[in-house]
Amino acid sequence: TNDCINLLRDEFSDFEHLYFCINDFNWGYAEGNNIAIRKCMDLGYDYFYILNNDVIFESEFCIRDMWKTMKDDSSIGILAPLIWNRQKDGQFVKGSIMTNSRLYNLMMRKNNIRLGEYEEGKFRVPTVSGSFMAITRKCIEKNHGFEKNFFMYGEEDDLCLRTNLNGLKVVKLSRDYGIKHLGGILEFVSVADWKRVASFRNRLLLTRSFPLNQIILYCIILFFQGLKNSLKLIKNKNVKSAIIYFVAFFEGLHDLVWYKRLSKSSVLFDRGRKLAMANRIYGIKVK
């Protein structure tokens, strides 16, 4: 909509091996990256880097060190560096999957996943930030890439979860390369309602990889977490957003039960929410 493709082509015209994947549909983070990764696999590449446009770093060694770490350890499926938030007042390091970390880590142990292992400058984690991560060919082949039904929130969490459960490691480097993510999380009371629905619903949807008894426990805990969030919003006199958590919870349960029936329609549904918001706020018309 703003001629950015032509601007990028002009800016990087000197790079001989640069390829632009241009889609006529907004597939979102998950399937959008899948399309690019499939293209890279067809070209014979084995390591795939995903980098947000709001991540900045000046290190000459980060990319090389990531590649060398993955090359030297074939058990690694996903790897990421340490990332700071924009103020650098605390590390932007994800350690749990969008929900109660103690509960999640307990489930990991029940599934014989040993988190927190430290070895030669790297440690094993449940998930990493999708703003800057690298994925191996083996991981893509074993997990079939990102799950395209995750259009908003949880895309990288779902892939990291399946990677851990399928016998490959999700690893973070312990060295600080001075990488900063300029985006990040909004204040709780400032989050748009459609984002609340998408993120909370996807927390339930990603549990499909757990055994049934763990799914039930996870859903019960998540229900009470949603209730806690609702009460917090009611206290801030935001009843409409408080109700949203219950809508998201039951929508997530529905999608969890009927997961195999989900298709492009779920992507269209989330995409419609996002574009409606963009149209309303910015007047942007996207086909």
C-alpha atoms as a PDB file:
ATOM      1  CA  THR A   1       0.000   0.000   0.000  1.00  0.00           C
ATOM      2  CA  ASN A   2       2.973   2.370   0.414  1.00  0.00           C
ATOM      3  CA  ASP A   3       5.305   1.166  -2.363  1.00  0.00           C
ATOM      4  CA  CYS A   4       7.632  -0.380   0.245  1.00  0.00           C
ATOM      5  CA  ILE A   5       8.517  -3.342  -2.013  1.00  0.00           C
ATOM      6  CA  ASN A   6       9.969  -1.088  -4.701  1.00  0.00           C
ATOM      7  CA  LEU A   7      11.732   0.994  -2.060  1.00  0.00           C
ATOM      8  CA  LEU A   8      13.349  -2.141  -0.605  1.00  0.00           C
ATOM      9  CA  ARG A   9      14.340  -3.402  -4.040  1.00  0.00           C
ATOM     10  CA  ASP A  10      16.073  -0.114  -4.773  1.00  0.00           C
ATOM     11  CA  GLU A  11      17.770  -0.055  -1.366  1.00  0.00           C
ATOM     12  CA  PHE A  12      19.163  -3.593  -1.658  1.00  0.00           C
ATOM     13  CA  SER A  13      19.727  -3.767  -5.409  1.00  0.00           C
ATOM     14  CA  ASP A  14      23.433  -4.542  -4.894  1.00  0.00           C
ATOM     15  CA  PHE A  15      22.661  -7.817  -3.077  1.00  0.00           C
ATOM     16  CA  GLU A  16      22.755 -10.475  -5.793  1.00  0.00           C
ATOM     17  CA  HIS A  17      21.134 -13.322  -3.818  1.00  0.00           C
ATOM     18  CA  LEU A  18      18.290 -11.370  -2.226  1.00  0.00           C
ATOM     19  CA  TYR A  19      14.830 -12.747  -3.037  1.00  0.00           C
ATOM     20  CA  PHE A  20      11.490 -11.047  -2.338  1.00  0.00           C
ATOM     21  CA  CYS A  21       8.462 -13.228  -1.533  1.00  0.00           C
ATOM     22  CA  ILE A  22       5.403 -11.183  -2.472  1.00  0.00           C
ATOM     23  CA  ASN A  23       1.948 -12.506  -1.520  1.00  0.00           C
ATOM     24  CA  ASP A  24      -1.452 -11.249  -2.597  1.00  0.00           C
ATOM     25  CA  PHE A  25      -2.937 -12.274   0.760  1.00  0.00           C
ATOM     26  CA  ASN A  26      -1.927 -11.341   4.303  1.00  0.00           C
ATOM     27  CA  TRP A  27      -1.107 -14.762   5.751  1.00  0.00           C
ATOM     28  CA  GLY A  28       0.256 -13.344   8.984  1.00  0.00           C
ATOM     29  CA  TYR A  29       3.466 -14.273  10.802  1.00  0.00           C
ATOM     30  CA  ALA A  30       3.142 -18.076  10.717  1.00  0.00           C
ATOM     31  CA  GLU A  31       2.224 -18.926   7.138  1.00  0.00           C
ATOM     32  CA  GLY A  32       4.062 -15.881   5.813  1.00  0.00           C
ATOM     33  CA  ASN A  33       7.305 -17.244   7.245  1.00  0.00           C
ATOM     34  CA  ASN A  34       6.427 -20.763   6.066  1.00  0.00           C
ATOM     35  CA  ILE A  35       6.230 -19.506   2.484  1.00  0.00           C
ATOM     36  CA  ALA A  36       9.662 -17.889   2.723  1.00  0.00           C
ATOM     37  CA  ILE A  37      11.188 -20.916   4.479  1.00  0.00           C
ATOM     38  CA  ARG A  38       9.852 -23.316   1.829  1.00  0.00           C
ATOM     39  CA  LYS A  39      11.448 -21.140  -0.839  1.00  0.00           C
ATOM     40  CA  CYS A  40      14.786 -21.206   1.019  1.00  0.00           C
ATOM     41  CA  MET A  41      14.573 -24.988   1.423  1.00  0.00           C
ATOM     42  CA  ASP A  42      14.004 -25.342  -2.319  1.00  0.00           C
ATOM     43  CA  LEU A  43      17.173 -23.305  -2.827  1.00  0.00           C
ATOM     44  CA  GLY A  44      19.110 -25.749  -0.620  1.00  0.00           C
ATOM     45  CA  TYR A  45      19.522 -23.767   2.608  1.00  0.00           C
ATOM     46  CA  ASP A  46      19.564 -25.525   6.001  1.00  0.00           C
ATOM     47  CA  TYR A  47      19.290 -22.636   8.497  1.00  0.00           C
ATOM     48  CA  PHE A  48      16.569 -20.001   8.462  1.00  0.00           C
ATOM     49  CA  TYR A  49      16.733 -16.680  10.322  1.00  0.00           C
ATOM     50  CA  ILE A  50      13.589 -14.741  11.203  1.00  0.00           C
ATOM     51  CA  LEU A  51      14.079 -11.084  12.097  1.00  0.00           C
ATOM     52  CA  ASN A  52      11.462  -8.424  12.851  1.00  0.00           C
ATOM     53  CA  ASN A  53      11.854  -5.019  11.273  1.00  0.00           C
ATOM     54  CA  ASP A  54      11.816  -3.453  14.762  1.00  0.00           C
ATOM     55  CA  VAL A  55      14.878  -5.369  16.009  1.00  0.00           C
ATOM     56  CA  ILE A  56      18.232  -3.587  15.904  1.00  0.00           C
ATOM     57  CA  PHE A  57      21.750  -4.887  16.500  1.00  0.00           C
ATOM     58  CA  GLU A  58      25.256  -3.980  15.365  1.00  0.00           C
ATOM     59  CA  SER A  59      27.122  -7.132  16.328  1.00  0.00           C
ATOM     60  CA  GLU A  60      29.365  -8.589  13.642  1.00  0.00           C
ATOM     61  CA  PHE A  61      29.369 -11.988  15.331  1.00  0.00           C
ATOM     62  CA  CYS A  62      25.763 -12.777  16.298  1.00  0.00           C
ATOM     63  CA  ILE A  63      24.594 -14.367  13.030  1.00  0.00           C
ATOM     64  CA  ARG A  64      27.852 -16.292  12.686  1.00  0.00           C
ATOM     65  CA  ASP A  65      27.752 -17.554  16.283  1.00  0.00           C
ATOM     66  CA  MET A  66      24.142 -18.679  15.884  1.00  0.00           C
ATOM     67  CA  TRP A  67      24.998 -20.580  12.706  1.00  0.00           C
ATOM     68  CA  LYS A  68      28.073 -22.202  14.263  1.00  0.00           C
ATOM     69  CA  THR A  69      26.121 -23.263  17.368  1.00  0.00           C
ATOM     70  CA  MET A  70      23.419 -24.934  15.259  1.00  0.00           C
ATOM     71  CA  LYS A  71      25.977 -26.534  12.952  1.00  0.00           C
ATOM     72  CA  ASP A  72      27.971 -27.986  15.875  1.00  0.00           C
ATOM     73  CA  ASP A  73      24.921 -29.370  17.718  1.00  0.00           C
ATOM     74  CA  SER A  74      22.503 -31.343  15.554  1.00  0.00           C
ATOM     75  CA  SER A  75      20.047 -31.683  18.466  1.00  0.00           C
ATOM     76  CA  ILE A  76      19.136 -27.967  18.242  1.00  0.00           C
ATOM     77  CA  GLY A  77      15.925 -27.174  16.401  1.00  0.00           C
ATOM     78  CA  ILE A  78      15.435 -23.505  17.306  1.00  0.00           C
ATOM     79  CA  LEU A  79      17.972 -20.993  18.568  1.00  0.00           C
ATOM     80  CA  ALA A  80      17.825 -17.327  19.580  1.00  0.00           C
ATOM     81  CA  PRO A  81      20.103 -14.713  21.143  1.00  0.00           C
ATOM     82  CA  LEU A  82      19.400 -12.652  24.241  1.00  0.00           C
ATOM     83  CA  ILE A  83      17.166  -9.707  23.386  1.00  0.00           C
ATOM     84  CA  TRP A  84      16.667  -6.502  25.366  1.00  0.00           C
ATOM     85  CA  ASN A  85      13.578  -4.336  25.411  1.00  0.00           C
ATOM     86  CA  ARG A  86      13.790  -0.825  24.032  1.00  0.00           C
ATOM     87  CA  GLN A  87      14.824   0.744  27.366  1.00  0.00           C
ATOM     88  CA  LYS A  88      17.347  -2.030  28.106  1.00  0.00           C
ATOM     89  CA  ASP A  89      16.084  -1.982  31.695  1.00  0.00           C
ATOM     90  CA  GLY A  90      15.351  -5.687  31.662  1.00  0.00           C
ATOM     91  CA  GLN A  91      15.960  -8.544  29.281  1.00  0.00           C
ATOM     92  CA  PHE A  92      13.230  -9.266  26.777  1.00  0.00           C
ATOM     93  CA  VAL A  93      13.701 -12.994  27.354  1.00  0.00           C
ATOM     94  CA  LYS A  94      10.729 -15.307  27.081  1.00  0.00           C
ATOM     95  CA  GLY A  95      10.799 -18.181  29.526  1.00  0.00           C
ATOM     96  CA  SER A  96       7.223 -19.436  29.498  1.00  0.00           C
ATOM     97  CA  ILE A  97       4.525 -19.893  26.920  1.00  0.00           C
ATOM     98  CA  MET A  98       1.972 -17.079  27.256  1.00  0.00           C
ATOM     99  CA  THR A  99       0.682 -18.354  30.573  1.00  0.00           C
ATOM    100  CA  ASN A 100       1.604 -19.541  34.072  1.00  0.00           C
ATOM    101  CA  SER A 101       5.301 -20.454  33.809  1.00  0.00           C
ATOM    102  CA  ARG A 102       5.309 -22.816  36.799  1.00  0.00           C
ATOM    103  CA  LEU A 103       2.408 -24.788  35.358  1.00  0.00           C
ATOM    104  CA  TYR A 104       3.993 -24.955  31.926  1.00  0.00           C
ATOM    105  CA  ASN A 105       7.400 -25.999  33.253  1.00  0.00           C
ATOM    106  CA  LEU A 106       5.707 -28.698  35.340  1.00  0.00           C
ATOM    107  CA  MET A 107       4.112 -30.055  32.172  1.00  0.00           C
ATOM    108  CA  MET A 108       7.475 -29.995  30.441  1.00  0.00           C
ATOM    109  CA  ARG A 109       8.970 -32.105  33.224  1.00  0.00           C
ATOM    110  CA  LYS A 110       6.048 -34.527  33.018  1.00  0.00           C
ATOM    111  CA  ASN A 111       6.888 -34.942  29.335  1.00  0.00           C
ATOM    112  CA  ASN A 112      10.583 -35.546  30.140  1.00  0.00           C
ATOM    113  CA  ILE A 113      11.716 -32.189  28.741  1.00  0.00           C
ATOM    114  CA  ARG A 114      14.679 -30.923  30.769  1.00  0.00           C
ATOM    115  CA  LEU A 115      14.663 -27.126  30.678  1.00  0.00           C
ATOM    116  CA  GLY A 116      17.378 -24.848  32.024  1.00  0.00           C
ATOM    117  CA  GLU A 117      20.288 -27.070  31.006  1.00  0.00           C
ATOM    118  CA  TYR A 118      23.411 -24.944  30.533  1.00  0.00           C
ATOM    119  CA  GLU A 119      26.294 -25.959  28.303  1.00  0.00           C
ATOM    120  CA  GLU A 120      29.035 -23.925  26.612  1.00  0.00           C
ATOM    121  CA  GLY A 121      27.303 -20.563  26.382  1.00  0.00           C
ATOM    122  CA  LYS A 122      23.791 -21.799  25.684  1.00  0.00           C
ATOM    123  CA  PHE A 123      20.833 -22.915  27.765  1.00  0.00           C
ATOM    124  CA  ARG A 124      17.660 -24.818  26.990  1.00  0.00           C
ATOM    125  CA  VAL A 125      14.380 -22.894  27.215  1.00  0.00           C
ATOM    126  CA  PRO A 126      10.677 -23.605  26.594  1.00  0.00           C
ATOM    127  CA  THR A 127      10.336 -20.852  23.986  1.00  0.00           C
ATOM    128  CA  VAL A 128      12.070 -17.863  22.419  1.00  0.00           C
ATOM    129  CA  SER A 129      10.965 -14.519  21.044  1.00  0.00           C
ATOM    130  CA  GLY A 130       9.739 -14.676  17.461  1.00  0.00           C
ATOM    131  CA  SER A 131      11.234 -11.227  16.860  1.00  0.00           C
ATOM    132  CA  PHE A 132      14.666 -12.810  16.238  1.00  0.00           C
ATOM    133  CA  MET A 133      15.154 -16.554  15.962  1.00  0.00           C
ATOM    134  CA  ALA A 134      16.818 -19.189  13.793  1.00  0.00           C
ATOM    135  CA  ILE A 135      15.344 -22.550  12.770  1.00  0.00           C
ATOM    136  CA  THR A 136      17.058 -25.619  11.341  1.00  0.00           C
ATOM    137  CA  ARG A 137      15.889 -27.611   8.344  1.00  0.00           C
ATOM    138  CA  LYS A 138      15.514 -30.677  10.573  1.00  0.00           C
ATOM    139  CA  CYS A 139      13.112 -28.747  12.823  1.00  0.00           C
ATOM    140  CA  ILE A 140      10.987 -27.626   9.880  1.00  0.00           C
ATOM    141  CA  GLU A 141      10.848 -31.125   8.405  1.00  0.00           C
ATOM    142  CA  LYS A 142       9.967 -32.716  11.747  1.00  0.00           C
ATOM    143  CA  ASN A 143       7.325 -30.150  12.773  1.00  0.00           C
ATOM    144  CA  HIS A 144       6.083 -29.068   9.325  1.00  0.00           C
ATOM    145  CA  GLY A 145       6.899 -25.441  10.062  1.00  0.00           C
ATOM    146  CA  PHE A 146       4.722 -22.904  11.817  1.00  0.00           C
ATOM    147  CA  GLU A 147       1.041 -23.717  12.330  1.00  0.00           C
ATOM    148  CA  LYS A 148      -0.829 -21.474   9.899  1.00  0.00           C
ATOM    149  CA  ASN A 149      -3.977 -21.467  12.054  1.00  0.00           C
ATOM    150  CA  PHE A 150      -2.110 -19.217  14.513  1.00  0.00           C
ATOM    151  CA  PHE A 151      -2.601 -15.842  12.872  1.00  0.00           C
ATOM    152  CA  MET A 152      -2.045 -13.607  15.899  1.00  0.00           C
ATOM    153  CA  TYR A 153       0.067 -14.475  18.955  1.00  0.00           C
ATOM    154  CA  GLY A 154       1.604 -17.767  19.958  1.00  0.00           C
ATOM    155  CA  GLU A 155       2.997 -18.697  16.540  1.00  0.00           C
ATOM    156  CA  GLU A 156       6.570 -19.132  17.744  1.00  0.00           C
ATOM    157  CA  ASP A 157       5.394 -20.544  21.091  1.00  0.00           C
ATOM    158  CA  ASP A 158       3.495 -23.313  19.326  1.00  0.00           C
ATOM    159  CA  LEU A 159       6.484 -24.234  17.154  1.00  0.00           C
ATOM    160  CA  CYS A 160       8.853 -24.181  20.153  1.00  0.00           C
ATOM    161  CA  LEU A 161       6.467 -26.401  22.111  1.00  0.00           C
ATOM    162  CA  ARG A 162       6.255 -28.983  19.322  1.00  0.00           C
ATOM    163  CA  THR A 163      10.020 -28.810  18.823  1.00  0.00           C
ATOM    164  CA  ASN A 164      10.676 -29.621  22.489  1.00  0.00           C
ATOM    165  CA  LEU A 165       8.088 -32.402  22.554  1.00  0.00           C
ATOM    166  CA  ASN A 166       9.416 -33.927  19.321  1.00  0.00           C
ATOM    167  CA  GLY A 167      12.931 -34.409  20.640  1.00  0.00           C
ATOM    168  CA  LEU A 168      14.797 -31.330  19.414  1.00  0.00           C
ATOM    169  CA  LYS A 169      16.088 -28.520  21.621  1.00  0.00           C
ATOM    170  CA  VAL A 170      14.996 -24.896  21.853  1.00  0.00           C
ATOM    171  CA  VAL A 171      18.102 -22.986  22.884  1.00  0.00           C
ATOM    172  CA  LYS A 172      19.090 -19.450  23.805  1.00  0.00           C
ATOM    173  CA  LEU A 173      22.645 -18.119  23.670  1.00  0.00           C
ATOM    174  CA  SER A 174      23.887 -16.623  26.932  1.00  0.00           C
ATOM    175  CA  ARG A 175      26.180 -14.026  25.348  1.00  0.00           C
ATOM    176  CA  ASP A 176      24.878 -10.447  25.189  1.00  0.00           C
ATOM    177  CA  TYR A 177      25.167  -9.051  21.650  1.00  0.00           C
ATOM    178  CA  GLY A 178      23.371  -5.814  22.512  1.00  0.00           C
ATOM    179  CA  ILE A 179      20.262  -6.716  20.512  1.00  0.00           C
ATOM    180  CA  LYS A 180      17.189  -4.596  21.207  1.00  0.00           C
ATOM    181  CA  HIS A 181      13.541  -5.126  20.301  1.00  0.00           C
ATOM    182  CA  LEU A 182      11.820  -1.780  19.781  1.00  0.00           C
ATOM    183  CA  GLY A 183       8.357  -3.316  19.938  1.00  0.00           C
ATOM    184  CA  GLY A 184       7.137  -5.386  22.843  1.00  0.00           C
ATOM    185  CA  ILE A 185       4.127  -5.744  25.092  1.00  0.00           C
ATOM    186  CA  LEU A 186       1.532  -3.027  25.662  1.00  0.00           C
ATOM    187  CA  GLU A 187       0.263  -2.072  29.090  1.00  0.00           C
ATOM    188  CA  PHE A 188      -2.408  -4.544  30.206  1.00  0.00           C
ATOM    189  CA  VAL A 189      -5.261  -2.016  30.181  1.00  0.00           C
ATOM    190  CA  SER A 190      -4.201  -0.661  26.751  1.00  0.00           C
ATOM    191  CA  VAL A 191      -4.464  -3.900  24.781  1.00  0.00           C
ATOM    192  CA  ALA A 192      -7.138  -3.909  22.063  1.00  0.00           C
ATOM    193  CA  ASP A 193     -10.008  -6.352  22.623  1.00  0.00           C
ATOM    194  CA  TRP A 194      -9.395  -8.304  19.417  1.00  0.00           C
ATOM    195  CA  LYS A 195      -5.814  -8.885  20.579  1.00  0.00           C
ATOM    196  CA  ARG A 196      -7.080 -10.176  23.922  1.00  0.00           C
ATOM    197  CA  VAL A 197      -9.303 -12.683  22.141  1.00  0.00           C
ATOM    198  CA  ALA A 198      -6.590 -13.886  19.752  1.00  0.00           C
ATOM    199  CA  SER A 199      -3.848 -14.253  22.362  1.00  0.00           C
ATOM    200  CA  PHE A 200      -5.970 -15.847  25.093  1.00  0.00           C
ATOM    201  CA  ARG A 201      -7.682 -18.239  22.675  1.00  0.00           C
ATOM    202  CA  ASN A 202      -4.352 -19.356  21.231  1.00  0.00           C
ATOM    203  CA  ARG A 203      -3.080 -20.220  24.709  1.00  0.00           C
ATOM    204  CA  LEU A 204      -5.667 -22.981  24.763  1.00  0.00           C
ATOM    205  CA  LEU A 205      -5.127 -23.969  21.153  1.00  0.00           C
ATOM    206  CA  LEU A 206      -1.412 -24.662  21.556  1.00  0.00           C
ATOM    207  CA  THR A 207      -2.116 -27.197  24.341  1.00  0.00           C
ATOM    208  CA  ARG A 208      -3.340 -29.689  21.723  1.00  0.00           C
ATOM    209  CA  SER A 209       0.173 -31.218  21.775  1.00  0.00           C
ATOM    210  CA  PHE A 210      -0.174 -32.269  25.442  1.00  0.00           C
ATOM    211  CA  PRO A 211      -1.757 -35.513  26.720  1.00  0.00           C
ATOM    212  CA  LEU A 212      -5.488 -35.180  27.478  1.00  0.00           C
ATOM    213  CA  ASN A 213      -5.140 -35.045  31.287  1.00  0.00           C
ATOM    214  CA  GLN A 214      -2.639 -32.199  30.977  1.00  0.00           C
ATOM    215  CA  ILE A 215      -4.889 -30.341  28.534  1.00  0.00           C
ATOM    216  CA  ILE A 216      -7.732 -30.471  31.072  1.00  0.00           C
ATOM    217  CA  LEU A 217      -5.502 -29.186  33.885  1.00  0.00           C
ATOM    218  CA  TYR A 218      -4.068 -26.456  31.666  1.00  0.00           C
ATOM    219  CA  CYS A 219      -7.554 -25.292  30.622  1.00  0.00           C
ATOM    220  CA  ILE A 220      -8.778 -25.151  34.226  1.00  0.00           C
ATOM    221  CA  ILE A 221      -5.785 -23.051  35.286  1.00  0.00           C
ATOM    222  CA  LEU A 222      -6.187 -20.808  32.254  1.00  0.00           C
ATOM    223  CA  PHE A 223      -9.870 -20.253  33.044  1.00  0.00           C
ATOM    224  CA  PHE A 224      -8.987 -18.893  36.470  1.00  0.00           C
ATOM    225  CA  GLN A 225      -6.224 -16.782  34.972  1.00  0.00           C
ATOM    226  CA  GLY A 226      -8.808 -15.278  32.618  1.00  0.00           C
ATOM    227  CA  LEU A 227     -11.129 -14.693  35.562  1.00  0.00           C
ATOM    228  CA  LYS A 228      -8.335 -12.868  37.389  1.00  0.00           C
ATOM    229  CA  ASN A 229      -7.704 -10.680  34.338  1.00  0.00           C
ATOM    230  CA  SER A 230     -11.431  -9.959  34.030  1.00  0.00           C
ATOM    231  CA  LEU A 231     -11.655  -8.809  37.649  1.00  0.00           C
ATOM    232  CA  LYS A 232      -8.648  -6.575  37.084  1.00  0.00           C
ATOM    233  CA  LEU A 233     -10.373  -4.957  34.103  1.00  0.00           C
ATOM    234  CA  ILE A 234     -13.650  -4.561  36.003  1.00  0.00           C
ATOM    235  CA  LYS A 235     -11.701  -2.755  38.693  1.00  0.00           C
ATOM    236  CA  ASN A 236     -10.543  -0.379  35.949  1.00  0.00           C
ATOM    237  CA  LYS A 237     -14.213   0.055  34.890  1.00  0.00           C
ATOM    238  CA  ASN A 238     -13.685  -1.807  31.622  1.00  0.00           C
ATOM    239  CA  VAL A 239     -16.516  -4.347  31.724  1.00  0.00           C
ATOM    240  CA  LYS A 240     -16.599  -4.914  27.969  1.00  0.00           C
ATOM    241  CA  SER A 241     -12.956  -6.028  27.864  1.00  0.00           C
ATOM    242  CA  ALA A 242     -13.517  -8.157  30.973  1.00  0.00           C
ATOM    243  CA  ILE A 243     -16.219 -10.134  29.159  1.00  0.00           C
ATOM    244  CA  ILE A 244     -13.806 -10.638  26.263  1.00  0.00           C
ATOM    245  CA  TYR A 245     -11.763 -13.158  28.288  1.00  0.00           C
ATOM    246  CA  PHE A 246     -14.755 -15.454  28.664  1.00  0.00           C
ATOM    247  CA  VAL A 247     -15.508 -15.135  24.949  1.00  0.00           C
ATOM    248  CA  ALA A 248     -11.880 -15.975  24.170  1.00  0.00           C
ATOM    249  CA  PHE A 249     -11.835 -18.934  26.567  1.00  0.00           C
ATOM    250  CA  PHE A 250     -14.876 -20.642  25.060  1.00  0.00           C
ATOM    251  CA  GLU A 251     -13.755 -19.796  21.539  1.00  0.00           C
ATOM    252  CA  GLY A 252     -10.428 -21.442  22.389  1.00  0.00           C
ATOM    253  CA  LEU A 253     -12.169 -24.540  23.746  1.00  0.00           C
ATOM    254  CA  HIS A 254     -14.235 -24.771  20.573  1.00  0.00           C
ATOM    255  CA  ASP A 255     -11.137 -24.495  18.371  1.00  0.00           C
ATOM    256  CA  LEU A 256      -9.295 -27.024  20.540  1.00  0.00           C
ATOM    257  CA  VAL A 257     -12.072 -29.609  20.160  1.00  0.00           C
ATOM    258  CA  TRP A 258     -12.527 -29.001  16.435  1.00  0.00           C
ATOM    259  CA  TYR A 259      -8.880 -28.250  15.680  1.00  0.00           C
ATOM    260  CA  LYS A 260      -8.571 -30.548  12.667  1.00  0.00           C
ATOM    261  CA  ARG A 261     -11.447 -28.701  11.011  1.00  0.00           C
ATOM    262  CA  LEU A 262      -9.696 -25.336  11.228  1.00  0.00           C
ATOM    263  CA  SER A 263      -8.481 -23.999   7.926  1.00  0.00           C
ATOM    264  CA  LYS A 264      -7.993 -20.751   6.101  1.00  0.00           C
ATOM    265  CA  SER A 265     -11.308 -19.588   7.590  1.00  0.00           C
ATOM    266  CA  SER A 266      -9.724 -19.063  11.027  1.00  0.00           C
ATOM    267  CA  VAL A 267      -6.964 -16.987   9.454  1.00  0.00           C
ATOM    268  CA  LEU A 268      -9.547 -14.937   7.601  1.00  0.00           C
ATOM    269  CA  PHE A 269     -11.442 -14.387  10.852  1.00  0.00           C
ATOM    270  CA  ASP A 270      -8.412 -13.034  12.730  1.00  0.00           C
ATOM    271  CA  ARG A 271      -7.258 -11.097   9.691  1.00  0.00           C
ATOM    272  CA  GLY A 272     -10.679  -9.488   9.450  1.00  0.00           C
ATOM    273  CA  ARG A 273     -10.405  -8.267  13.033  1.00  0.00           C
ATOM    274  CA  LYS A 274      -6.983  -6.809  12.445  1.00  0.00           C
ATOM    275  CA  LEU A 275      -7.853  -5.095   9.180  1.00  0.00           C
ATOM    276  CA  ALA A 276     -11.079  -3.705  10.597  1.00  0.00           C
ATOM    277  CA  MET A 277      -9.024  -2.104  13.361  1.00  0.00           C
ATOM    278  CA  ALA A 278      -6.521  -0.720  10.830  1.00  0.00           C
ATOM    279  CA  ASN A 279      -9.302   0.669   8.666  1.00  0.00           C
ATOM    280  CA  ARG A 280     -10.973   2.309  11.647  1.00  0.00           C
ATOM    281  CA  ILE A 281      -7.821   3.894  13.082  1.00  0.00           C
ATOM    282  CA  TYR A 282      -5.701   4.659  10.021  1.00  0.00           C
ATOM    283  CA  GLY A 283      -8.155   4.568   7.133  1.00  0.00           C
ATOM    284  CA  ILE A 284      -6.002   1.903   5.480  1.00  0.00           C
ATOM    285  CA  LYS A 285      -7.713  -0.206   2.832  1.00  0.00           C
ATOM    286  CA  VAL A 286      -6.089  -3.599   2.375  1.00  0.00           C
ATOM    287  CA  LYS A 287      -7.483  -6.167  -0.010  1.00  0.00           C
END
